[in-house]
């Protein structure tokens, strides 16, 4: 995980802070659920609990933030399906 976050541009200091937040707030990995993912833009680090809830790991508030998280795989499948229907109708 650390190597991937470094490859994405996160500094070791920020990775350490994110790991500390994970250990503090979710001491058992099973508490996260199967859909939890770690997300970074190279500057911040968030824990995506599901498709709608993100927790900012580098902000000490520990509050859940509600953001629009797009399921790209499902969106791509829907676009392919819509395009197929349009070509059949043409």
C-alpha atoms as a PDB file:
ATOM      1  CA  UNK A   1       0.000   0.000   0.000  1.00  0.00           C
ATOM      2  CA  UNK A   2       2.798   2.408   0.889  1.00  0.00           C
ATOM      3  CA  UNK A   3       4.573   1.823  -2.409  1.00  0.00           C
ATOM      4  CA  UNK A   4       1.400   2.459  -4.397  1.00  0.00           C
ATOM      5  CA  UNK A   5       0.696   5.686  -2.486  1.00  0.00           C
ATOM      6  CA  UNK A   6       4.301   6.825  -3.053  1.00  0.00           C
ATOM      7  CA  UNK A   7       3.946   6.029  -6.760  1.00  0.00           C
ATOM      8  CA  UNK A   8       0.851   8.239  -6.779  1.00  0.00           C
ATOM      9  CA  UNK A   9       2.859  11.140  -5.316  1.00  0.00           C
ATOM     10  CA  UNK A  10       1.952  11.066  -1.609  1.00  0.00           C
ATOM     11  CA  UNK A  11       4.853  11.925   0.697  1.00  0.00           C
ATOM     12  CA  UNK A  12       5.975   9.469   3.368  1.00  0.00           C
ATOM     13  CA  UNK A  13       4.921  11.951   6.036  1.00  0.00           C
ATOM     14  CA  UNK A  14       1.360  12.108   4.678  1.00  0.00           C
ATOM     15  CA  UNK A  15       1.241   8.320   4.242  1.00  0.00           C
ATOM     16  CA  UNK A  16       2.304   7.890   7.873  1.00  0.00           C
ATOM     17  CA  UNK A  17      -0.455  10.284   8.962  1.00  0.00           C
ATOM     18  CA  UNK A  18      -3.050   8.372   6.894  1.00  0.00           C
ATOM     19  CA  UNK A  19      -1.929   5.023   8.330  1.00  0.00           C
ATOM     20  CA  UNK A  20      -2.122   6.438  11.864  1.00  0.00           C
ATOM     21  CA  UNK A  21      -5.696   7.593  11.187  1.00  0.00           C
ATOM     22  CA  UNK A  22      -6.626   4.146   9.853  1.00  0.00           C
ATOM     23  CA  UNK A  23      -5.148   2.424  12.896  1.00  0.00           C
ATOM     24  CA  UNK A  24      -6.804   4.870  15.287  1.00  0.00           C
ATOM     25  CA  UNK A  25     -10.292   4.883  13.751  1.00  0.00           C
ATOM     26  CA  UNK A  26     -10.452   1.344  12.339  1.00  0.00           C
ATOM     27  CA  UNK A  27      -8.196  -0.874  14.467  1.00  0.00           C
ATOM     28  CA  UNK A  28      -9.684  -4.001  12.923  1.00  0.00           C
ATOM     29  CA  UNK A  29      -9.526  -4.282   9.140  1.00  0.00           C
ATOM     30  CA  UNK A  30     -12.828  -6.172   9.171  1.00  0.00           C
ATOM     31  CA  UNK A  31     -14.561  -3.037  10.477  1.00  0.00           C
ATOM     32  CA  UNK A  32     -14.034  -1.393   7.106  1.00  0.00           C
ATOM     33  CA  UNK A  33     -16.206  -3.742   5.081  1.00  0.00           C
ATOM     34  CA  UNK A  34     -15.385  -5.326   1.759  1.00  0.00           C
ATOM     35  CA  UNK A  35     -16.086  -2.220  -0.348  1.00  0.00           C
ATOM     36  CA  UNK A  36     -13.617   0.094   1.393  1.00  0.00           C
ATOM     37  CA  UNK A  37     -10.859   1.530  -0.779  1.00  0.00           C
ATOM     38  CA  UNK A  38      -7.996   3.947  -0.204  1.00  0.00           C
ATOM     39  CA  UNK A  39      -8.093   6.874  -2.645  1.00  0.00           C
ATOM     40  CA  UNK A  40      -5.447   9.538  -3.333  1.00  0.00           C
ATOM     41  CA  UNK A  41      -4.888  12.394  -5.730  1.00  0.00           C
ATOM     42  CA  UNK A  42      -1.205  12.581  -4.804  1.00  0.00           C
ATOM     43  CA  UNK A  43      -1.839  15.230  -2.146  1.00  0.00           C
ATOM     44  CA  UNK A  44      -4.735  13.942  -0.049  1.00  0.00           C
ATOM     45  CA  UNK A  45      -5.759  10.505   1.136  1.00  0.00           C
ATOM     46  CA  UNK A  46      -9.322   9.337   1.647  1.00  0.00           C
ATOM     47  CA  UNK A  47     -10.946   6.146   2.739  1.00  0.00           C
ATOM     48  CA  UNK A  48     -13.877   5.379   0.444  1.00  0.00           C
ATOM     49  CA  UNK A  49     -16.204   3.415   2.691  1.00  0.00           C
ATOM     50  CA  UNK A  50     -18.655   2.808  -0.150  1.00  0.00           C
ATOM     51  CA  UNK A  51     -19.847   4.548  -3.309  1.00  0.00           C
ATOM     52  CA  UNK A  52     -21.048   7.640  -1.446  1.00  0.00           C
ATOM     53  CA  UNK A  53     -18.933   8.127   1.687  1.00  0.00           C
ATOM     54  CA  UNK A  54     -15.349   9.333   1.924  1.00  0.00           C
ATOM     55  CA  UNK A  55     -13.336   9.901   5.085  1.00  0.00           C
ATOM     56  CA  UNK A  56     -10.480  12.390   4.843  1.00  0.00           C
ATOM     57  CA  UNK A  57      -7.536  10.604   6.469  1.00  0.00           C
ATOM     58  CA  UNK A  58      -5.318  13.682   6.567  1.00  0.00           C
ATOM     59  CA  UNK A  59      -7.863  15.935   8.264  1.00  0.00           C
ATOM     60  CA  UNK A  60      -8.016  15.296  12.007  1.00  0.00           C
ATOM     61  CA  UNK A  61     -11.791  15.697  12.192  1.00  0.00           C
ATOM     62  CA  UNK A  62     -12.367  12.077  11.182  1.00  0.00           C
ATOM     63  CA  UNK A  63     -15.773  13.055   9.892  1.00  0.00           C
ATOM     64  CA  UNK A  64     -17.396  11.320   6.969  1.00  0.00           C
ATOM     65  CA  UNK A  65     -17.629  13.537   3.920  1.00  0.00           C
ATOM     66  CA  UNK A  66     -20.400  13.016   1.407  1.00  0.00           C
ATOM     67  CA  UNK A  67     -19.088  13.363  -2.092  1.00  0.00           C
ATOM     68  CA  UNK A  68     -20.090  12.190  -5.502  1.00  0.00           C
ATOM     69  CA  UNK A  69     -18.057   9.048  -6.105  1.00  0.00           C
ATOM     70  CA  UNK A  70     -18.582   7.618  -9.564  1.00  0.00           C
ATOM     71  CA  UNK A  71     -18.597   3.886 -10.184  1.00  0.00           C
ATOM     72  CA  UNK A  72     -16.762   4.082 -13.512  1.00  0.00           C
ATOM     73  CA  UNK A  73     -17.236   0.398 -14.348  1.00  0.00           C
ATOM     74  CA  UNK A  74     -21.005   0.598 -13.951  1.00  0.00           C
ATOM     75  CA  UNK A  75     -21.130   3.890 -15.861  1.00  0.00           C
ATOM     76  CA  UNK A  76     -19.121   2.435 -18.763  1.00  0.00           C
ATOM     77  CA  UNK A  77     -21.418  -0.610 -18.920  1.00  0.00           C
ATOM     78  CA  UNK A  78     -24.458   1.670 -19.014  1.00  0.00           C
ATOM     79  CA  UNK A  79     -22.972   3.760 -21.831  1.00  0.00           C
ATOM     80  CA  UNK A  80     -22.170   0.609 -23.841  1.00  0.00           C
ATOM     81  CA  UNK A  81     -25.708  -0.659 -23.298  1.00  0.00           C
ATOM     82  CA  UNK A  82     -27.236   2.670 -24.342  1.00  0.00           C
ATOM     83  CA  UNK A  83     -25.058   2.820 -27.469  1.00  0.00           C
ATOM     84  CA  UNK A  84     -26.041  -0.727 -28.422  1.00  0.00           C
ATOM     85  CA  UNK A  85     -29.748   0.154 -28.055  1.00  0.00           C
ATOM     86  CA  UNK A  86     -29.273   3.286 -30.152  1.00  0.00           C
ATOM     87  CA  UNK A  87     -27.530   1.382 -32.959  1.00  0.00           C
ATOM     88  CA  UNK A  88     -30.288  -1.273 -32.928  1.00  0.00           C
ATOM     89  CA  UNK A  89     -32.965   1.423 -33.216  1.00  0.00           C
ATOM     90  CA  UNK A  90     -31.175   3.120 -36.129  1.00  0.00           C
END
